[in-house]
Structure formats: C-alpha cells, structure tokens
Amino acid sequence: MKIATEGQLLRIFIGEDSRYEGKPLYEWLVLEAKAQGMSGATVLQGMMGFGARSRIHTAKILRLSLDLPVIIEIVDSPDKIAAFLEHIEGVIDGGLVTLERAEVKIYRADKR
C-alpha cells in the first residue's frame, strides 16, 4: 500500500472501558480502519490522564480508576481520514478527536 507524502494524523482519545457492539471501542476502531483500507493504526495505553470530566485515571497500584486513557493513532491521506471520521463520528460517545498535518518520510513493510 502507498501513502501520500502529505498526510494527516488522526488521534482518538478514549477510555479503555469504552465499548461498541460488545467489544472494546479501540478494538472496533482498529478493525474498522483496516476494513476501510486505512494505511495502519496503533493503539497506545496511557498510564495516567484526565478528560472532559476532570476525573483522574491512573495505573498506580492504588488505582483511582480502571478506565485508563487509550489513544488510537492513524496516519493516512486527508481524503481517507475524512471518510473514516464520517464513518465513526456517531460511535464515539465520549473522548477527544484531533487532526494534525503529517509529513510521511518512510512507510514500508519490513522485509520478513
């Protein structure tokens, strides 16, 4: 798969407890990105954070919350990102979605 040099970085910030269609929302989003032919997706789990409700979520031993922050990152062309956003907009009940310009320098599969 080829990706344009000038792309966009889509970041979706949600809680790990967010669900859709019976599965974790982050998992559903990654599977949808693959089904939509996106160039790739990565899920990152945060150790600590807070969102619109200002409630602290942390991975410390004495947990204040089990709903740790999760970030899904996708880089692709602006057109594909826009189509994907339209597809998922109604699914994200709570969280934050951001877009940034991304200059793609290298995008290739390893040689295995």
N, C-alpha and C. Protein backbone atom coordinates (compact mmCIF):
# COMPACT_ATOMS: atom_id res chain seq x y z
N MET A 1 0.84 -1.19 0.00
CA MET A 1 0.00 0.00 0.00
C MET A 1 0.88 1.24 0.00
N LYS A 2 0.49 2.24 -0.75
CA LYS A 2 1.22 3.50 -0.82
C LYS A 2 0.44 4.56 -0.05
N ILE A 3 1.17 5.48 0.56
CA ILE A 3 0.56 6.57 1.29
C ILE A 3 1.15 7.88 0.78
N ALA A 4 0.33 8.91 0.71
CA ALA A 4 0.80 10.21 0.22
C ALA A 4 1.84 10.79 1.16
N THR A 5 2.76 11.59 0.60
CA THR A 5 3.79 12.24 1.42
C THR A 5 3.15 13.21 2.40
N GLU A 6 2.15 13.96 1.94
CA GLU A 6 1.43 14.89 2.82
C GLU A 6 0.17 14.19 3.30
N GLY A 7 0.15 13.85 4.57
CA GLY A 7 -0.99 13.14 5.13
C GLY A 7 -1.54 13.86 6.34
N GLN A 8 -2.38 13.15 7.07
CA GLN A 8 -2.93 13.65 8.32
C GLN A 8 -2.76 12.58 9.39
N LEU A 9 -2.56 13.05 10.62
CA LEU A 9 -2.51 12.19 11.79
C LEU A 9 -3.81 12.36 12.54
N LEU A 10 -4.56 11.30 12.64
CA LEU A 10 -5.81 11.27 13.39
C LEU A 10 -5.52 10.65 14.75
N ARG A 11 -5.87 11.36 15.81
CA ARG A 11 -5.71 10.82 17.16
C ARG A 11 -7.08 10.78 17.82
N ILE A 12 -7.40 9.63 18.37
CA ILE A 12 -8.68 9.45 19.07
C ILE A 12 -8.35 9.08 20.51
N PHE A 13 -8.76 9.92 21.44
CA PHE A 13 -8.54 9.72 22.87
C PHE A 13 -9.85 9.22 23.49
N ILE A 14 -9.82 8.02 24.07
CA ILE A 14 -10.99 7.45 24.72
C ILE A 14 -10.54 6.73 25.98
N GLY A 15 -11.48 6.19 26.74
CA GLY A 15 -11.15 5.36 27.88
C GLY A 15 -11.14 3.90 27.48
N GLU A 16 -10.31 3.11 28.15
CA GLU A 16 -10.22 1.69 27.78
C GLU A 16 -11.52 0.94 28.03
N ASP A 17 -12.40 1.47 28.87
CA ASP A 17 -13.68 0.81 29.14
C ASP A 17 -14.75 1.14 28.12
N SER A 18 -14.49 2.07 27.21
CA SER A 18 -15.47 2.42 26.17
C SER A 18 -15.69 1.22 25.27
N ARG A 19 -16.97 0.95 24.97
CA ARG A 19 -17.31 -0.24 24.20
C ARG A 19 -18.25 0.13 23.05
N TYR A 20 -18.23 -0.73 22.02
CA TYR A 20 -19.17 -0.61 20.91
C TYR A 20 -19.38 -2.00 20.33
N GLU A 21 -20.63 -2.34 20.10
CA GLU A 21 -21.00 -3.65 19.56
C GLU A 21 -20.38 -4.79 20.36
N GLY A 22 -20.34 -4.63 21.69
CA GLY A 22 -19.89 -5.70 22.56
C GLY A 22 -18.38 -5.89 22.67
N LYS A 23 -17.61 -5.02 22.04
CA LYS A 23 -16.15 -5.15 22.14
C LYS A 23 -15.56 -3.80 22.52
N PRO A 24 -14.31 -3.81 23.00
CA PRO A 24 -13.68 -2.53 23.33
C PRO A 24 -13.71 -1.60 22.11
N LEU A 25 -14.02 -0.33 22.34
CA LEU A 25 -14.12 0.64 21.25
C LEU A 25 -12.81 0.77 20.48
N TYR A 26 -11.67 0.75 21.20
CA TYR A 26 -10.39 0.86 20.50
C TYR A 26 -10.20 -0.30 19.53
N GLU A 27 -10.63 -1.50 19.91
CA GLU A 27 -10.52 -2.67 19.04
C GLU A 27 -11.43 -2.51 17.82
N TRP A 28 -12.66 -2.07 18.06
CA TRP A 28 -13.60 -1.85 16.96
C TRP A 28 -13.04 -0.82 15.99
N LEU A 29 -12.47 0.27 16.51
CA LEU A 29 -11.92 1.32 15.66
C LEU A 29 -10.77 0.81 14.77
N VAL A 30 -9.89 0.01 15.35
CA VAL A 30 -8.77 -0.53 14.57
C VAL A 30 -9.28 -1.48 13.49
N LEU A 31 -10.23 -2.33 13.83
CA LEU A 31 -10.79 -3.26 12.84
C LEU A 31 -11.53 -2.50 11.73
N GLU A 32 -12.22 -1.43 12.08
CA GLU A 32 -12.90 -0.60 11.08
C GLU A 32 -11.88 0.11 10.20
N ALA A 33 -10.79 0.59 10.79
CA ALA A 33 -9.74 1.24 10.00
C ALA A 33 -9.19 0.26 8.96
N LYS A 34 -8.96 -0.97 9.38
CA LYS A 34 -8.46 -1.99 8.45
C LYS A 34 -9.50 -2.27 7.37
N ALA A 35 -10.76 -2.41 7.76
CA ALA A 35 -11.83 -2.68 6.80
C ALA A 35 -12.00 -1.53 5.80
N GLN A 36 -11.72 -0.31 6.22
CA GLN A 36 -11.84 0.87 5.36
C GLN A 36 -10.59 1.08 4.50
N GLY A 37 -9.58 0.21 4.64
CA GLY A 37 -8.38 0.30 3.82
C GLY A 37 -7.40 1.37 4.27
N MET A 38 -7.45 1.74 5.56
CA MET A 38 -6.51 2.73 6.07
C MET A 38 -5.10 2.14 6.06
N SER A 39 -4.08 3.00 6.08
CA SER A 39 -2.70 2.54 5.96
C SER A 39 -2.20 1.82 7.20
N GLY A 40 -2.81 2.05 8.34
CA GLY A 40 -2.41 1.39 9.58
C GLY A 40 -3.00 2.11 10.77
N ALA A 41 -2.97 1.47 11.92
CA ALA A 41 -3.48 2.06 13.16
C ALA A 41 -2.68 1.51 14.33
N THR A 42 -2.49 2.35 15.33
CA THR A 42 -1.77 1.95 16.54
C THR A 42 -2.59 2.36 17.75
N VAL A 43 -2.66 1.47 18.74
CA VAL A 43 -3.34 1.77 20.00
C VAL A 43 -2.29 1.90 21.09
N LEU A 44 -2.35 3.01 21.81
CA LEU A 44 -1.43 3.29 22.92
C LEU A 44 -2.24 3.40 24.20
N GLN A 45 -1.76 2.75 25.27
CA GLN A 45 -2.45 2.86 26.56
C GLN A 45 -1.70 3.83 27.44
N GLY A 46 -2.42 4.80 27.98
CA GLY A 46 -1.82 5.79 28.86
C GLY A 46 -1.71 5.27 30.28
N MET A 47 -0.75 5.79 31.00
CA MET A 47 -0.57 5.41 32.41
C MET A 47 -1.38 6.30 33.33
N MET A 48 -1.68 7.52 32.86
CA MET A 48 -2.42 8.45 33.68
C MET A 48 -2.98 9.55 32.79
N GLY A 49 -4.13 10.09 33.17
CA GLY A 49 -4.70 11.19 32.41
C GLY A 49 -6.03 11.62 32.98
N PHE A 50 -6.59 12.67 32.37
CA PHE A 50 -7.95 13.09 32.70
C PHE A 50 -8.54 13.73 31.46
N GLY A 51 -9.86 13.79 31.44
CA GLY A 51 -10.55 14.31 30.27
C GLY A 51 -11.55 15.37 30.64
N ALA A 52 -12.64 15.44 29.87
CA ALA A 52 -13.64 16.50 29.99
C ALA A 52 -14.28 16.55 31.38
N ARG A 53 -14.37 15.44 32.06
CA ARG A 53 -14.95 15.42 33.41
C ARG A 53 -13.93 15.72 34.50
N SER A 54 -12.67 15.88 34.14
CA SER A 54 -11.57 16.17 35.07
C SER A 54 -11.37 15.08 36.11
N ARG A 55 -11.80 13.86 35.81
CA ARG A 55 -11.58 12.73 36.72
C ARG A 55 -10.25 12.08 36.37
N ILE A 56 -9.37 11.90 37.37
CA ILE A 56 -8.05 11.30 37.15
C ILE A 56 -8.21 9.80 36.91
N HIS A 57 -7.51 9.31 35.90
CA HIS A 57 -7.43 7.87 35.59
C HIS A 57 -5.96 7.52 35.70
N THR A 58 -5.64 6.49 36.47
CA THR A 58 -4.23 6.17 36.69
C THR A 58 -4.01 4.67 36.75
N ALA A 59 -2.77 4.26 36.48
CA ALA A 59 -2.37 2.85 36.53
C ALA A 59 -1.61 2.54 37.81
N LYS A 60 -1.61 3.45 38.77
CA LYS A 60 -0.89 3.21 40.02
C LYS A 60 -1.48 2.01 40.76
N ILE A 61 -0.71 1.45 41.67
CA ILE A 61 -1.15 0.26 42.40
C ILE A 61 -2.46 0.52 43.13
N LEU A 62 -2.56 1.63 43.83
CA LEU A 62 -3.82 2.02 44.46
C LEU A 62 -4.63 2.80 43.43
N ARG A 63 -5.31 2.07 42.58
CA ARG A 63 -5.97 2.68 41.43
C ARG A 63 -7.11 3.60 41.83
N LEU A 64 -7.14 4.75 41.20
CA LEU A 64 -8.29 5.65 41.33
C LEU A 64 -9.33 5.28 40.28
N SER A 65 -8.90 4.65 39.20
CA SER A 65 -9.80 4.30 38.12
C SER A 65 -9.19 3.17 37.31
N LEU A 66 -10.03 2.29 36.83
CA LEU A 66 -9.56 1.24 35.93
C LEU A 66 -9.68 1.65 34.47
N ASP A 67 -10.38 2.75 34.22
CA ASP A 67 -10.66 3.21 32.86
C ASP A 67 -9.49 4.06 32.36
N LEU A 68 -8.37 3.40 32.07
CA LEU A 68 -7.16 4.12 31.65
C LEU A 68 -7.34 4.78 30.28
N PRO A 69 -6.59 5.85 30.03
CA PRO A 69 -6.66 6.50 28.72
C PRO A 69 -6.11 5.60 27.61
N VAL A 70 -6.74 5.67 26.46
CA VAL A 70 -6.30 4.94 25.28
C VAL A 70 -6.27 5.93 24.12
N ILE A 71 -5.21 5.86 23.32
CA ILE A 71 -5.07 6.72 22.15
C ILE A 71 -4.94 5.83 20.92
N ILE A 72 -5.77 6.08 19.93
CA ILE A 72 -5.67 5.38 18.65
C ILE A 72 -5.10 6.38 17.65
N GLU A 73 -4.00 6.02 17.00
CA GLU A 73 -3.37 6.90 16.01
C GLU A 73 -3.44 6.27 14.63
N ILE A 74 -3.83 7.09 13.66
CA ILE A 74 -3.92 6.64 12.27
C ILE A 74 -3.34 7.74 11.39
N VAL A 75 -2.43 7.39 10.49
CA VAL A 75 -1.90 8.34 9.51
C VAL A 75 -2.33 7.87 8.14
N ASP A 76 -2.91 8.79 7.37
CA ASP A 76 -3.31 8.47 6.01
C ASP A 76 -3.55 9.78 5.25
N SER A 77 -4.06 9.68 4.04
CA SER A 77 -4.34 10.87 3.24
C SER A 77 -5.54 11.62 3.85
N PRO A 78 -5.60 12.92 3.64
CA PRO A 78 -6.72 13.70 4.16
C PRO A 78 -8.09 13.16 3.72
N ASP A 79 -8.20 12.70 2.48
CA ASP A 79 -9.47 12.17 1.99
C ASP A 79 -9.90 10.91 2.74
N LYS A 80 -8.95 10.00 2.95
CA LYS A 80 -9.27 8.75 3.65
C LYS A 80 -9.58 9.03 5.13
N ILE A 81 -8.85 9.96 5.74
CA ILE A 81 -9.12 10.32 7.13
C ILE A 81 -10.52 10.93 7.26
N ALA A 82 -10.87 11.82 6.33
CA ALA A 82 -12.19 12.46 6.37
C ALA A 82 -13.31 11.42 6.24
N ALA A 83 -13.15 10.47 5.33
CA ALA A 83 -14.16 9.43 5.15
C ALA A 83 -14.26 8.56 6.40
N PHE A 84 -13.12 8.23 7.00
CA PHE A 84 -13.12 7.42 8.21
C PHE A 84 -13.80 8.17 9.37
N LEU A 85 -13.48 9.45 9.51
CA LEU A 85 -14.12 10.25 10.57
C LEU A 85 -15.63 10.29 10.41
N GLU A 86 -16.09 10.45 9.19
CA GLU A 86 -17.53 10.46 8.94
C GLU A 86 -18.15 9.12 9.33
N HIS A 87 -17.44 8.04 9.07
CA HIS A 87 -17.92 6.69 9.37
C HIS A 87 -18.02 6.44 10.88
N ILE A 88 -17.10 7.00 11.67
CA ILE A 88 -17.04 6.67 13.10
C ILE A 88 -17.63 7.74 14.01
N GLU A 89 -18.00 8.89 13.46
CA GLU A 89 -18.42 10.03 14.29
C GLU A 89 -19.52 9.67 15.29
N GLY A 90 -20.52 8.94 14.88
CA GLY A 90 -21.63 8.61 15.76
C GLY A 90 -21.32 7.54 16.80
N VAL A 91 -20.16 6.93 16.70
CA VAL A 91 -19.78 5.83 17.59
C VAL A 91 -19.06 6.32 18.85
N ILE A 92 -18.39 7.46 18.76
CA ILE A 92 -17.59 7.96 19.88
C ILE A 92 -18.48 8.83 20.77
N ASP A 93 -18.91 8.24 21.88
CA ASP A 93 -19.80 8.95 22.82
C ASP A 93 -19.04 9.95 23.68
N GLY A 94 -17.83 9.61 24.07
CA GLY A 94 -17.03 10.48 24.92
C GLY A 94 -15.58 10.36 24.53
N GLY A 95 -14.86 11.46 24.61
CA GLY A 95 -13.45 11.43 24.27
C GLY A 95 -13.06 12.68 23.52
N LEU A 96 -11.95 12.60 22.80
CA LEU A 96 -11.40 13.72 22.05
C LEU A 96 -10.84 13.17 20.74
N VAL A 97 -11.08 13.89 19.66
CA VAL A 97 -10.53 13.52 18.36
C VAL A 97 -9.78 14.73 17.82
N THR A 98 -8.52 14.51 17.41
CA THR A 98 -7.71 15.61 16.87
C THR A 98 -7.13 15.23 15.52
N LEU A 99 -6.81 16.24 14.74
CA LEU A 99 -6.15 16.06 13.44
C LEU A 99 -4.93 16.96 13.38
N GLU A 100 -3.86 16.44 12.80
CA GLU A 100 -2.64 17.22 12.58
C GLU A 100 -2.12 16.90 11.19
N ARG A 101 -1.40 17.85 10.63
CA ARG A 101 -0.68 17.57 9.38
C ARG A 101 0.44 16.58 9.70
N ALA A 102 0.69 15.70 8.77
CA ALA A 102 1.78 14.73 8.94
C ALA A 102 2.54 14.60 7.63
N GLU A 103 3.84 14.78 7.71
CA GLU A 103 4.69 14.56 6.54
C GLU A 103 5.27 13.16 6.65
N VAL A 104 4.89 12.30 5.72
CA VAL A 104 5.31 10.90 5.75
C VAL A 104 6.68 10.80 5.09
N LYS A 105 7.66 10.33 5.83
CA LYS A 105 9.02 10.17 5.31
C LYS A 105 9.29 8.74 4.87
N ILE A 106 8.83 7.77 5.65
CA ILE A 106 9.03 6.35 5.31
C ILE A 106 7.75 5.61 5.67
N TYR A 107 7.28 4.79 4.73
CA TYR A 107 6.15 3.90 5.01
C TYR A 107 6.36 2.64 4.20
N ARG A 108 6.78 1.60 4.86
CA ARG A 108 7.04 0.34 4.16
C ARG A 108 6.96 -0.81 5.14
N ALA A 109 6.66 -1.98 4.63
CA ALA A 109 6.63 -3.19 5.45
C ALA A 109 8.07 -3.67 5.67
N ASP A 110 8.29 -4.35 6.79
CA ASP A 110 9.63 -4.91 6.98
C ASP A 110 9.83 -6.06 5.99
N LYS A 111 11.05 -6.53 5.87
CA LYS A 111 11.41 -7.48 4.82
C LYS A 111 11.23 -8.92 5.23
N ARG A 112 10.53 -9.19 6.30
CA ARG A 112 10.30 -10.58 6.73
C ARG A 112 9.35 -11.29 5.83
